[in-house]
Amino acid sequence: MKKACAVVLLSMLAAAVPQAIAQSGKAGQAGAFLKVGQGARALGLGGAFCSIADDQSAIFYNPAGLAFSSGKQAAFNYHSLTLDRNLNSASVILPVRNEAVMGAAWINSSVGNVQMRDSDRNVIGEFTNSYNLFSLSFAKKFTDKFGGGANIRYIQAKLDYLSAYTVGVDFGGIYKPNEAIALGAAISDLGSDLRWDSGNYWSSGGTSYGDKFPFRLRGGASASALNGTLIPSVDVEYIQQLGTKFHGGAEYWILKKVKLVMPDEDVEDEFREVELDKRLLGLRAGYGDGSLNFGLSIYIPIEKNQIGFDYAFVSGKRSEGSNQIFTVRIAF
């Protein structure tokens, strides 16, 4: 009976688990939780974030964007999902000697209360499935117009008593020919291949199953209009074996002028007062892979620091339920 359970668990990997994590259009492949997206701001834009990527969400969409981010940032994401799914993440980015930027991120995805059946389809209990992804990022601006970046990812997966591990890499680049236009491209999940094996648990042998992550190619363009208050963006994404998907959106920002005392770049040990435009309220709408998305942001400037709250509503498509995403971010 135990060996039969192992066979059934492994056979479910290609069907039940991906379907529970992300339904039609995202199911049937390893790492389905990565296709859901991260960050309420990016998802409010329909996921069209490859060329914007100017905050910690760049880790998930295009690591090159970290090179154009400013200051230290930390963020926490919570997804309100249906079907007993959980998806949460945290990330932080830190400048390194004003020459480069490093980042770290963690994603946890899990599904609970999934029925387990034997070969005769009799219910024999329940099992849980979970993924933990840990990512380290590095990005550098090579010129004022071009930056590149990379992630190295370690993924740990658990299916009841079974576990598997894999490592993968992402690469990205962003080119800004002028202050109004940005172009981005990224390739993700290279080399990720989970190998499930129940042979270590049974003296009589077990079953092995390979679960290869499909690579993803993404390219996008965005513009800055009306003195930076309006930002439209489009992405085209190719997922191996699933084909091409379109993402598009736009956001509008209400700005607030803030006066800060900063070091004078021309005179040592001298300070000067500068007036900067800080984002205060953002509204956005987007379309991503069959879903209409909406979002808003509220940013609270506190001297040189800033606290932000992002929200996104993803309508879902076909039989999928709607999702809500909440992000808390701190810039310091």
C-alpha atoms as a PDB file:
ATOM      1  CA  MET A   1       0.000   0.000   0.000  1.00  0.00           C
ATOM      2  CA  LYS A   2       2.790   2.452   0.877  1.00  0.00           C
ATOM      3  CA  LYS A   3       4.517   1.829  -2.429  1.00  0.00           C
ATOM      4  CA  ALA A   4       1.225   2.372  -4.242  1.00  0.00           C
ATOM      5  CA  CYS A   5       0.847   5.683  -2.427  1.00  0.00           C
ATOM      6  CA  ALA A   6       4.276   6.757  -3.625  1.00  0.00           C
ATOM      7  CA  VAL A   7       3.388   5.924  -7.211  1.00  0.00           C
ATOM      8  CA  VAL A   8       0.142   7.854  -6.970  1.00  0.00           C
ATOM      9  CA  LEU A   9       1.826  10.899  -5.392  1.00  0.00           C
ATOM     10  CA  LEU A  10       4.418  11.103  -8.122  1.00  0.00           C
ATOM     11  CA  SER A  11       1.862  10.634 -10.893  1.00  0.00           C
ATOM     12  CA  MET A  12      -0.080  13.586  -9.501  1.00  0.00           C
ATOM     13  CA  LEU A  13       2.861  15.924 -10.026  1.00  0.00           C
ATOM     14  CA  ALA A  14       2.086  16.363 -13.699  1.00  0.00           C
ATOM     15  CA  ALA A  15      -1.587  17.059 -13.164  1.00  0.00           C
ATOM     16  CA  ALA A  16      -3.169  17.677  -9.771  1.00  0.00           C
ATOM     17  CA  VAL A  17      -0.546  19.900  -8.172  1.00  0.00           C
ATOM     18  CA  PRO A  18       0.065  22.310 -11.056  1.00  0.00           C
ATOM     19  CA  GLN A  19      -3.683  22.527 -11.568  1.00  0.00           C
ATOM     20  CA  ALA A  20      -4.258  23.417  -7.922  1.00  0.00           C
ATOM     21  CA  ILE A  21      -1.523  26.040  -7.914  1.00  0.00           C
ATOM     22  CA  ALA A  22      -2.490  27.826 -11.111  1.00  0.00           C
ATOM     23  CA  GLN A  23      -5.353  26.665 -13.256  1.00  0.00           C
ATOM     24  CA  SER A  24      -5.977  26.729 -17.010  1.00  0.00           C
ATOM     25  CA  GLY A  25      -3.258  28.431 -19.024  1.00  0.00           C
ATOM     26  CA  LYS A  26      -0.693  28.047 -16.236  1.00  0.00           C
ATOM     27  CA  ALA A  27      -1.084  24.374 -15.316  1.00  0.00           C
ATOM     28  CA  GLY A  28       0.725  21.267 -16.458  1.00  0.00           C
ATOM     29  CA  GLN A  29       4.276  22.543 -15.929  1.00  0.00           C
ATOM     30  CA  ALA A  30       6.754  22.735 -13.105  1.00  0.00           C
ATOM     31  CA  GLY A  31       6.998  26.014 -11.234  1.00  0.00           C
ATOM     32  CA  ALA A  32       3.445  27.090 -12.053  1.00  0.00           C
ATOM     33  CA  PHE A  33       3.521  29.417  -9.030  1.00  0.00           C
ATOM     34  CA  LEU A  34       6.164  31.531 -10.789  1.00  0.00           C
ATOM     35  CA  LYS A  35       3.718  32.371 -13.581  1.00  0.00           C
ATOM     36  CA  VAL A  36       1.240  33.960 -11.160  1.00  0.00           C
ATOM     37  CA  GLY A  37       3.489  37.006 -10.778  1.00  0.00           C
ATOM     38  CA  GLN A  38       4.708  39.018  -7.797  1.00  0.00           C
ATOM     39  CA  GLY A  39       4.182  42.558  -6.569  1.00  0.00           C
ATOM     40  CA  ALA A  40       0.855  44.392  -6.522  1.00  0.00           C
ATOM     41  CA  ARG A  41       2.192  47.276  -8.601  1.00  0.00           C
ATOM     42  CA  ALA A  42       3.441  45.012 -11.400  1.00  0.00           C
ATOM     43  CA  LEU A  43       0.282  42.889 -11.393  1.00  0.00           C
ATOM     44  CA  GLY A  44      -1.909  45.998 -11.455  1.00  0.00           C
ATOM     45  CA  LEU A  45      -0.177  46.745 -14.765  1.00  0.00           C
ATOM     46  CA  GLY A  46      -1.142  43.301 -16.053  1.00  0.00           C
ATOM     47  CA  GLY A  47       2.415  42.073 -15.471  1.00  0.00           C
ATOM     48  CA  ALA A  48       3.843  44.513 -18.040  1.00  0.00           C
ATOM     49  CA  PHE A  49       6.844  45.355 -15.889  1.00  0.00           C
ATOM     50  CA  CYS A  50       9.907  44.100 -17.791  1.00  0.00           C
ATOM     51  CA  SER A  51      11.042  47.537 -18.989  1.00  0.00           C
ATOM     52  CA  ILE A  52       9.887  49.510 -15.906  1.00  0.00           C
ATOM     53  CA  ALA A  53      11.361  47.259 -13.193  1.00  0.00           C
ATOM     54  CA  ASP A  54      12.440  50.199 -11.015  1.00  0.00           C
ATOM     55  CA  ASP A  55      11.736  48.668  -7.600  1.00  0.00           C
ATOM     56  CA  GLN A  56      12.320  45.373  -5.793  1.00  0.00           C
ATOM     57  CA  SER A  57       9.806  43.569  -8.069  1.00  0.00           C
ATOM     58  CA  ALA A  58      12.548  43.692 -10.715  1.00  0.00           C
ATOM     59  CA  ILE A  59      13.916  40.546  -9.061  1.00  0.00           C
ATOM     60  CA  PHE A  60      10.889  38.651 -10.394  1.00  0.00           C
ATOM     61  CA  TYR A  61      10.462  40.345 -13.809  1.00  0.00           C
ATOM     62  CA  ASN A  62      13.848  41.628 -14.951  1.00  0.00           C
ATOM     63  CA  PRO A  63      16.866  41.732 -12.597  1.00  0.00           C
ATOM     64  CA  ALA A  64      18.489  44.442 -14.734  1.00  0.00           C
ATOM     65  CA  GLY A  65      15.949  46.910 -13.381  1.00  0.00           C
ATOM     66  CA  LEU A  66      17.673  46.825 -10.011  1.00  0.00           C
ATOM     67  CA  ALA A  67      20.515  48.830 -11.550  1.00  0.00           C
ATOM     68  CA  PHE A  68      18.114  51.756 -12.080  1.00  0.00           C
ATOM     69  CA  SER A  69      16.477  51.597  -8.646  1.00  0.00           C
ATOM     70  CA  SER A  70      17.328  54.173  -6.014  1.00  0.00           C
ATOM     71  CA  GLY A  71      18.303  53.526  -2.401  1.00  0.00           C
ATOM     72  CA  LYS A  72      17.567  50.591  -0.160  1.00  0.00           C
ATOM     73  CA  GLN A  73      14.179  48.924  -0.436  1.00  0.00           C
ATOM     74  CA  ALA A  74      12.279  46.099   1.232  1.00  0.00           C
ATOM     75  CA  ALA A  75       8.864  44.685   0.351  1.00  0.00           C
ATOM     76  CA  PHE A  76       6.410  42.013   1.467  1.00  0.00           C
ATOM     77  CA  ASN A  77       3.738  40.525  -0.823  1.00  0.00           C
ATOM     78  CA  TYR A  78       0.580  38.661   0.155  1.00  0.00           C
ATOM     79  CA  HIS A  79      -1.749  36.969  -2.359  1.00  0.00           C
ATOM     80  CA  SER A  80      -5.376  36.258  -1.493  1.00  0.00           C
ATOM     81  CA  LEU A  81      -6.033  33.127  -3.587  1.00  0.00           C
ATOM     82  CA  THR A  82      -8.806  30.569  -3.988  1.00  0.00           C
ATOM     83  CA  LEU A  83      -8.638  26.752  -3.780  1.00  0.00           C
ATOM     84  CA  ASP A  84      -6.702  26.705  -0.494  1.00  0.00           C
ATOM     85  CA  ARG A  85      -3.601  28.114  -2.188  1.00  0.00           C
ATOM     86  CA  ASN A  86      -1.009  30.259  -0.431  1.00  0.00           C
ATOM     87  CA  LEU A  87       1.523  32.503  -2.147  1.00  0.00           C
ATOM     88  CA  ASN A  88       3.676  35.011  -0.257  1.00  0.00           C
ATOM     89  CA  SER A  89       7.048  36.617  -0.809  1.00  0.00           C
ATOM     90  CA  ALA A  90       9.581  39.046   0.635  1.00  0.00           C
ATOM     91  CA  SER A  91      12.468  40.882  -0.994  1.00  0.00           C
ATOM     92  CA  VAL A  92      15.186  43.421  -0.256  1.00  0.00           C
ATOM     93  CA  ILE A  93      17.628  45.362  -2.441  1.00  0.00           C
ATOM     94  CA  LEU A  94      20.802  47.171  -1.391  1.00  0.00           C
ATOM     95  CA  PRO A  95      23.186  49.429  -3.366  1.00  0.00           C
ATOM     96  CA  VAL A  96      26.838  48.350  -3.304  1.00  0.00           C
ATOM     97  CA  ARG A  97      29.370  51.227  -3.256  1.00  0.00           C
ATOM     98  CA  ASN A  98      27.164  53.236  -5.612  1.00  0.00           C
ATOM     99  CA  GLU A  99      28.381  50.958  -8.397  1.00  0.00           C
ATOM    100  CA  ALA A 100      25.943  48.051  -8.373  1.00  0.00           C
ATOM    101  CA  VAL A 101      22.870  46.705  -6.614  1.00  0.00           C
ATOM    102  CA  MET A 102      22.350  43.382  -4.879  1.00  0.00           C
ATOM    103  CA  GLY A 103      19.022  41.819  -3.991  1.00  0.00           C
ATOM    104  CA  ALA A 104      17.567  38.833  -2.185  1.00  0.00           C
ATOM    105  CA  ALA A 105      14.073  37.340  -2.352  1.00  0.00           C
ATOM    106  CA  TRP A 106      12.026  34.502  -0.913  1.00  0.00           C
ATOM    107  CA  ILE A 107       8.783  33.046  -2.314  1.00  0.00           C
ATOM    108  CA  ASN A 108       6.620  30.482  -0.552  1.00  0.00           C
ATOM    109  CA  SER A 109       3.837  28.669  -2.395  1.00  0.00           C
ATOM    110  CA  SER A 110       1.693  25.896  -0.945  1.00  0.00           C
ATOM    111  CA  VAL A 111      -1.522  23.970  -1.471  1.00  0.00           C
ATOM    112  CA  GLY A 112      -3.268  22.110   1.343  1.00  0.00           C
ATOM    113  CA  ASN A 113      -6.058  19.626   1.851  1.00  0.00           C
ATOM    114  CA  VAL A 114      -5.573  17.816  -1.460  1.00  0.00           C
ATOM    115  CA  GLN A 115      -7.082  14.327  -1.452  1.00  0.00           C
ATOM    116  CA  MET A 116      -4.747  11.372  -1.927  1.00  0.00           C
ATOM    117  CA  ARG A 117      -6.122   8.206  -3.552  1.00  0.00           C
ATOM    118  CA  ASP A 118      -4.766   4.743  -4.215  1.00  0.00           C
ATOM    119  CA  SER A 119      -4.713   3.013  -7.598  1.00  0.00           C
ATOM    120  CA  ASP A 120      -8.388   2.070  -7.124  1.00  0.00           C
ATOM    121  CA  ARG A 121      -9.290   5.758  -6.522  1.00  0.00           C
ATOM    122  CA  ASN A 122     -10.114   5.183  -2.862  1.00  0.00           C
ATOM    123  CA  VAL A 123      -9.420   8.188  -0.608  1.00  0.00           C
ATOM    124  CA  ILE A 124      -6.538   7.304   1.715  1.00  0.00           C
ATOM    125  CA  GLY A 125      -5.825  10.713   3.212  1.00  0.00           C
ATOM    126  CA  GLU A 126      -4.689  14.221   2.340  1.00  0.00           C
ATOM    127  CA  PHE A 127      -1.326  15.679   1.379  1.00  0.00           C
ATOM    128  CA  THR A 128       0.171  19.123   1.079  1.00  0.00           C
ATOM    129  CA  ASN A 129       2.447  20.491  -1.603  1.00  0.00           C
ATOM    130  CA  SER A 130       4.837  23.415  -1.117  1.00  0.00           C
ATOM    131  CA  TYR A 131       7.625  25.307  -2.848  1.00  0.00           C
ATOM    132  CA  ASN A 132      10.245  27.630  -1.381  1.00  0.00           C
ATOM    133  CA  LEU A 133      12.340  29.755  -3.705  1.00  0.00           C
ATOM    134  CA  PHE A 134      15.410  31.669  -2.553  1.00  0.00           C
ATOM    135  CA  SER A 135      16.986  34.129  -4.966  1.00  0.00           C
ATOM    136  CA  LEU A 136      20.153  36.226  -4.991  1.00  0.00           C
ATOM    137  CA  SER A 137      20.417  39.041  -7.523  1.00  0.00           C
ATOM    138  CA  PHE A 138      23.153  41.286  -8.892  1.00  0.00           C
ATOM    139  CA  ALA A 139      22.703  44.221 -11.266  1.00  0.00           C
ATOM    140  CA  LYS A 140      24.980  46.919 -12.611  1.00  0.00           C
ATOM    141  CA  LYS A 141      24.502  50.008 -14.738  1.00  0.00           C
ATOM    142  CA  PHE A 142      27.225  49.816 -17.394  1.00  0.00           C
ATOM    143  CA  THR A 143      26.330  53.177 -18.942  1.00  0.00           C
ATOM    144  CA  ASP A 144      23.717  55.830 -18.197  1.00  0.00           C
ATOM    145  CA  LYS A 145      21.504  54.099 -20.759  1.00  0.00           C
ATOM    146  CA  PHE A 146      22.161  50.381 -20.277  1.00  0.00           C
ATOM    147  CA  GLY A 147      22.079  48.039 -17.292  1.00  0.00           C
ATOM    148  CA  GLY A 148      22.248  44.279 -16.891  1.00  0.00           C
ATOM    149  CA  GLY A 149      21.425  41.860 -14.105  1.00  0.00           C
ATOM    150  CA  ALA A 150      21.147  38.220 -13.110  1.00  0.00           C
ATOM    151  CA  ASN A 151      19.485  36.003 -10.501  1.00  0.00           C
ATOM    152  CA  ILE A 152      20.572  32.668  -9.161  1.00  0.00           C
ATOM    153  CA  ARG A 153      17.658  30.705  -7.716  1.00  0.00           C
ATOM    154  CA  TYR A 154      17.495  27.773  -5.350  1.00  0.00           C
ATOM    155  CA  ILE A 155      14.124  26.005  -5.315  1.00  0.00           C
ATOM    156  CA  GLN A 156      13.011  23.472  -2.722  1.00  0.00           C
ATOM    157  CA  ALA A 157       9.835  21.469  -3.372  1.00  0.00           C
ATOM    158  CA  LYS A 158       7.968  19.136  -1.029  1.00  0.00           C
ATOM    159  CA  LEU A 159       5.136  16.755  -1.847  1.00  0.00           C
ATOM    160  CA  ASP A 160       3.972  15.013   1.316  1.00  0.00           C
ATOM    161  CA  TYR A 161       7.050  13.020   2.444  1.00  0.00           C
ATOM    162  CA  LEU A 162       8.951  13.543  -0.852  1.00  0.00           C
ATOM    163  CA  SER A 163      11.302  16.433  -1.573  1.00  0.00           C
ATOM    164  CA  ALA A 164      13.285  17.725  -4.535  1.00  0.00           C
ATOM    165  CA  TYR A 165      15.730  20.556  -5.171  1.00  0.00           C
ATOM    166  CA  THR A 166      17.013  22.507  -8.140  1.00  0.00           C
ATOM    167  CA  VAL A 167      19.030  25.579  -9.081  1.00  0.00           C
ATOM    168  CA  GLY A 168      18.301  27.973 -11.939  1.00  0.00           C
ATOM    169  CA  VAL A 169      19.399  31.327 -13.312  1.00  0.00           C
ATOM    170  CA  ASP A 170      17.764  34.394 -14.860  1.00  0.00           C
ATOM    171  CA  PHE A 171      19.325  37.121 -17.006  1.00  0.00           C
ATOM    172  CA  GLY A 172      18.015  40.506 -18.068  1.00  0.00           C
ATOM    173  CA  GLY A 173      18.893  43.827 -19.644  1.00  0.00           C
ATOM    174  CA  ILE A 174      17.330  47.293 -19.850  1.00  0.00           C
ATOM    175  CA  TYR A 175      18.165  50.002 -22.384  1.00  0.00           C
ATOM    176  CA  LYS A 176      16.972  53.602 -22.020  1.00  0.00           C
ATOM    177  CA  PRO A 177      17.745  55.581 -25.208  1.00  0.00           C
ATOM    178  CA  ASN A 178      16.348  58.719 -23.560  1.00  0.00           C
ATOM    179  CA  GLU A 179      14.462  59.797 -20.442  1.00  0.00           C
ATOM    180  CA  ALA A 180      11.066  58.991 -21.974  1.00  0.00           C
ATOM    181  CA  ILE A 181      11.594  55.474 -23.383  1.00  0.00           C
ATOM    182  CA  ALA A 182      12.745  52.198 -21.805  1.00  0.00           C
ATOM    183  CA  LEU A 183      13.228  48.780 -23.422  1.00  0.00           C
ATOM    184  CA  GLY A 184      13.710  45.557 -21.471  1.00  0.00           C
ATOM    185  CA  ALA A 185      14.326  41.866 -22.084  1.00  0.00           C
ATOM    186  CA  ALA A 186      14.766  38.902 -19.733  1.00  0.00           C
ATOM    187  CA  ILE A 187      15.088  35.132 -19.820  1.00  0.00           C
ATOM    188  CA  SER A 188      14.095  33.132 -16.735  1.00  0.00           C
ATOM    189  CA  ASP A 189      14.276  29.646 -15.203  1.00  0.00           C
ATOM    190  CA  LEU A 190      17.276  28.379 -17.132  1.00  0.00           C
ATOM    191  CA  GLY A 191      18.542  25.018 -15.889  1.00  0.00           C
ATOM    192  CA  SER A 192      15.805  24.353 -13.315  1.00  0.00           C
ATOM    193  CA  ASP A 193      14.954  20.648 -13.246  1.00  0.00           C
ATOM    194  CA  LEU A 194      13.383  18.945 -10.216  1.00  0.00           C
ATOM    195  CA  ARG A 195      14.037  15.216  -9.821  1.00  0.00           C
ATOM    196  CA  TRP A 196      11.564  13.387  -7.604  1.00  0.00           C
ATOM    197  CA  ASP A 197      12.644   9.957  -6.369  1.00  0.00           C
ATOM    198  CA  SER A 198      10.851   7.732  -3.844  1.00  0.00           C
ATOM    199  CA  GLY A 199      13.550   5.061  -4.009  1.00  0.00           C
ATOM    200  CA  ASN A 200      15.202   6.374  -0.853  1.00  0.00           C
ATOM    201  CA  TYR A 201      12.092   5.529   1.161  1.00  0.00           C
ATOM    202  CA  TRP A 202      11.405   1.934   0.136  1.00  0.00           C
ATOM    203  CA  SER A 203      13.810  -0.964   0.245  1.00  0.00           C
ATOM    204  CA  SER A 204      11.952  -2.588  -2.632  1.00  0.00           C
ATOM    205  CA  GLY A 205      12.554   0.385  -4.902  1.00  0.00           C
ATOM    206  CA  GLY A 206      10.486   3.382  -5.876  1.00  0.00           C
ATOM    207  CA  THR A 207       9.529   5.620  -8.721  1.00  0.00           C
ATOM    208  CA  SER A 208      11.385   8.605 -10.160  1.00  0.00           C
ATOM    209  CA  TYR A 209       9.900  11.529 -12.012  1.00  0.00           C
ATOM    210  CA  GLY A 210      11.558  14.465 -13.779  1.00  0.00           C
ATOM    211  CA  ASP A 211       9.918  17.895 -13.526  1.00  0.00           C
ATOM    212  CA  LYS A 212      11.662  20.405 -15.790  1.00  0.00           C
ATOM    213  CA  PHE A 213      10.868  24.102 -15.495  1.00  0.00           C
ATOM    214  CA  PRO A 214      10.013  25.720 -18.848  1.00  0.00           C
ATOM    215  CA  PHE A 215      12.181  28.695 -19.712  1.00  0.00           C
ATOM    216  CA  ARG A 216      10.458  32.047 -20.159  1.00  0.00           C
ATOM    217  CA  LEU A 217      11.398  34.872 -22.515  1.00  0.00           C
ATOM    218  CA  ARG A 218      10.009  38.360 -21.907  1.00  0.00           C
ATOM    219  CA  GLY A 219      10.458  41.608 -23.776  1.00  0.00           C
ATOM    220  CA  GLY A 220       8.813  44.943 -23.138  1.00  0.00           C
ATOM    221  CA  ALA A 221       8.703  48.677 -23.709  1.00  0.00           C
ATOM    222  CA  SER A 222       7.449  51.562 -21.605  1.00  0.00           C
ATOM    223  CA  ALA A 223       7.219  55.330 -21.864  1.00  0.00           C
ATOM    224  CA  SER A 224       7.178  58.250 -19.456  1.00  0.00           C
ATOM    225  CA  ALA A 225       4.747  61.033 -20.348  1.00  0.00           C
ATOM    226  CA  LEU A 226       3.253  64.155 -18.750  1.00  0.00           C
ATOM    227  CA  ASN A 227       6.403  64.878 -16.722  1.00  0.00           C
ATOM    228  CA  GLY A 228       6.618  61.306 -15.471  1.00  0.00           C
ATOM    229  CA  THR A 229       3.069  61.106 -14.152  1.00  0.00           C
ATOM    230  CA  LEU A 230       1.764  58.742 -16.880  1.00  0.00           C
ATOM    231  CA  ILE A 231       3.588  55.472 -17.648  1.00  0.00           C
ATOM    232  CA  PRO A 232       2.160  53.070 -20.258  1.00  0.00           C
ATOM    233  CA  SER A 233       3.848  49.693 -20.675  1.00  0.00           C
ATOM    234  CA  VAL A 234       3.588  46.544 -22.815  1.00  0.00           C
ATOM    235  CA  ASP A 235       5.250  43.123 -22.502  1.00  0.00           C
ATOM    236  CA  VAL A 236       5.303  40.065 -24.755  1.00  0.00           C
ATOM    237  CA  GLU A 237       6.110  36.826 -22.945  1.00  0.00           C
ATOM    238  CA  TYR A 238       6.980  33.439 -24.434  1.00  0.00           C
ATOM    239  CA  ILE A 239       6.690  30.394 -22.165  1.00  0.00           C
ATOM    240  CA  GLN A 240       8.165  27.146 -23.434  1.00  0.00           C
ATOM    241  CA  GLN A 241       5.398  24.792 -24.622  1.00  0.00           C
ATOM    242  CA  LEU A 242       2.674  27.302 -23.705  1.00  0.00           C
ATOM    243  CA  GLY A 243       3.337  29.874 -26.411  1.00  0.00           C
ATOM    244  CA  THR A 244       3.146  33.659 -26.415  1.00  0.00           C
ATOM    245  CA  LYS A 245       1.208  35.841 -23.979  1.00  0.00           C
ATOM    246  CA  PHE A 246       0.538  39.582 -24.018  1.00  0.00           C
ATOM    247  CA  HIS A 247       0.645  41.975 -21.062  1.00  0.00           C
ATOM    248  CA  GLY A 248      -0.212  45.652 -21.131  1.00  0.00           C
ATOM    249  CA  GLY A 249      -1.115  48.421 -18.730  1.00  0.00           C
ATOM    250  CA  ALA A 250      -0.673  52.015 -17.640  1.00  0.00           C
ATOM    251  CA  GLU A 251      -0.333  53.893 -14.379  1.00  0.00           C
ATOM    252  CA  TYR A 252      -0.924  57.511 -13.424  1.00  0.00           C
ATOM    253  CA  TRP A 253       0.834  59.163 -10.482  1.00  0.00           C
ATOM    254  CA  ILE A 254      -0.107  62.143  -8.378  1.00  0.00           C
ATOM    255  CA  LEU A 255       3.152  63.708  -7.224  1.00  0.00           C
ATOM    256  CA  LYS A 256       4.069  65.771  -4.179  1.00  0.00           C
ATOM    257  CA  LYS A 257       7.005  68.156  -3.981  1.00  0.00           C
ATOM    258  CA  VAL A 258       9.259  67.422  -1.011  1.00  0.00           C
ATOM    259  CA  LYS A 259      12.193  69.532   0.178  1.00  0.00           C
ATOM    260  CA  LEU A 260      15.265  67.624   1.344  1.00  0.00           C
ATOM    261  CA  VAL A 261      18.679  68.637   2.650  1.00  0.00           C
ATOM    262  CA  MET A 262      21.329  66.642   0.794  1.00  0.00           C
ATOM    263  CA  PRO A 263      25.149  66.681   0.508  1.00  0.00           C
ATOM    264  CA  ASP A 264      26.486  69.054  -2.129  1.00  0.00           C
ATOM    265  CA  GLU A 265      28.141  67.014  -4.890  1.00  0.00           C
ATOM    266  CA  ASP A 266      30.453  69.882  -5.835  1.00  0.00           C
ATOM    267  CA  VAL A 267      31.580  71.101  -2.393  1.00  0.00           C
ATOM    268  CA  GLU A 268      32.873  68.718   0.255  1.00  0.00           C
ATOM    269  CA  ASP A 269      31.182  68.808   3.691  1.00  0.00           C
ATOM    270  CA  GLU A 270      28.540  71.231   2.394  1.00  0.00           C
ATOM    271  CA  PHE A 271      24.796  70.637   2.170  1.00  0.00           C
ATOM    272  CA  ARG A 272      22.068  72.167   0.044  1.00  0.00           C
ATOM    273  CA  GLU A 273      18.294  72.081  -0.029  1.00  0.00           C
ATOM    274  CA  VAL A 274      16.706  70.399  -3.045  1.00  0.00           C
ATOM    275  CA  GLU A 275      13.097  69.980  -4.098  1.00  0.00           C
ATOM    276  CA  LEU A 276      12.089  66.561  -5.418  1.00  0.00           C
ATOM    277  CA  ASP A 277       8.877  65.148  -6.844  1.00  0.00           C
ATOM    278  CA  LYS A 278       7.810  62.207  -4.696  1.00  0.00           C
ATOM    279  CA  ARG A 279       5.079  59.764  -5.699  1.00  0.00           C
ATOM    280  CA  LEU A 280       2.023  60.123  -3.509  1.00  0.00           C
ATOM    281  CA  LEU A 281      -0.910  58.272  -5.125  1.00  0.00           C
ATOM    282  CA  GLY A 282      -0.905  55.899  -8.076  1.00  0.00           C
ATOM    283  CA  LEU A 283      -3.765  54.446 -10.113  1.00  0.00           C
ATOM    284  CA  ARG A 284      -3.320  51.705 -12.696  1.00  0.00           C
ATOM    285  CA  ALA A 285      -5.099  49.258 -14.966  1.00  0.00           C
ATOM    286  CA  GLY A 286      -3.833  46.420 -17.103  1.00  0.00           C
ATOM    287  CA  TYR A 287      -4.471  43.257 -19.068  1.00  0.00           C
ATOM    288  CA  GLY A 288      -2.493  40.083 -18.593  1.00  0.00           C
ATOM    289  CA  ASP A 289      -3.070  36.688 -20.210  1.00  0.00           C
ATOM    290  CA  GLY A 290      -6.860  36.975 -20.370  1.00  0.00           C
ATOM    291  CA  SER A 291      -7.371  38.838 -17.081  1.00  0.00           C
ATOM    292  CA  LEU A 292      -8.297  42.455 -16.455  1.00  0.00           C
ATOM    293  CA  ASN A 293      -6.269  43.933 -13.613  1.00  0.00           C
ATOM    294  CA  PHE A 294      -6.661  47.083 -11.529  1.00  0.00           C
ATOM    295  CA  GLY A 295      -4.518  48.597  -8.806  1.00  0.00           C
ATOM    296  CA  LEU A 296      -3.606  51.568  -6.684  1.00  0.00           C
ATOM    297  CA  SER A 297      -0.714  52.763  -4.538  1.00  0.00           C
ATOM    298  CA  ILE A 298      -0.389  55.086  -1.574  1.00  0.00           C
ATOM    299  CA  TYR A 299       3.092  56.323  -0.728  1.00  0.00           C
ATOM    300  CA  ILE A 300       3.922  58.242   2.426  1.00  0.00           C
ATOM    301  CA  PRO A 301       7.183  60.271   2.298  1.00  0.00           C
ATOM    302  CA  ILE A 302       8.975  60.494   5.649  1.00  0.00           C
ATOM    303  CA  GLU A 303      12.023  62.741   5.178  1.00  0.00           C
ATOM    304  CA  LYS A 304      14.406  60.679   3.018  1.00  0.00           C
ATOM    305  CA  ASN A 305      12.396  57.503   3.559  1.00  0.00           C
ATOM    306  CA  GLN A 306       9.119  56.340   2.101  1.00  0.00           C
ATOM    307  CA  ILE A 307       6.467  53.783   3.072  1.00  0.00           C
ATOM    308  CA  GLY A 308       4.220  52.441   0.346  1.00  0.00           C
ATOM    309  CA  PHE A 309       1.080  50.317   0.139  1.00  0.00           C
ATOM    310  CA  ASP A 310       0.219  48.697  -3.196  1.00  0.00           C
ATOM    311  CA  TYR A 311      -2.970  46.816  -4.057  1.00  0.00           C
ATOM    312  CA  ALA A 312      -4.009  44.877  -7.156  1.00  0.00           C
ATOM    313  CA  PHE A 313      -7.185  43.086  -8.205  1.00  0.00           C
ATOM    314  CA  VAL A 314      -6.841  40.350 -10.838  1.00  0.00           C
ATOM    315  CA  SER A 315     -10.190  39.392 -12.342  1.00  0.00           C
ATOM    316  CA  GLY A 316      -9.201  35.877 -13.391  1.00  0.00           C
ATOM    317  CA  LYS A 317     -10.311  34.167 -16.574  1.00  0.00           C
ATOM    318  CA  ARG A 318     -12.589  31.333 -17.603  1.00  0.00           C
ATOM    319  CA  SER A 319     -13.194  29.218 -14.460  1.00  0.00           C
ATOM    320  CA  GLU A 320     -10.508  30.886 -12.351  1.00  0.00           C
ATOM    321  CA  GLY A 321     -11.520  32.959  -9.368  1.00  0.00           C
ATOM    322  CA  SER A 322     -10.389  36.531  -8.863  1.00  0.00           C
ATOM    323  CA  ASN A 323      -7.271  37.254  -6.834  1.00  0.00           C
ATOM    324  CA  GLN A 324      -6.127  40.164  -4.693  1.00  0.00           C
ATOM    325  CA  ILE A 325      -2.527  41.109  -4.027  1.00  0.00           C
ATOM    326  CA  PHE A 326      -1.215  43.349  -1.246  1.00  0.00           C
ATOM    327  CA  THR A 327       2.297  44.784  -1.057  1.00  0.00           C
ATOM    328  CA  VAL A 328       3.945  46.755   1.729  1.00  0.00           C
ATOM    329  CA  ARG A 329       7.189  48.427   0.721  1.00  0.00           C
ATOM    330  CA  ILE A 330       9.756  50.526   2.545  1.00  0.00           C
ATOM    331  CA  ALA A 331      12.364  52.719   0.849  1.00  0.00           C
ATOM    332  CA  PHE A 332      15.148  53.865   3.173  1.00  0.00           C
END
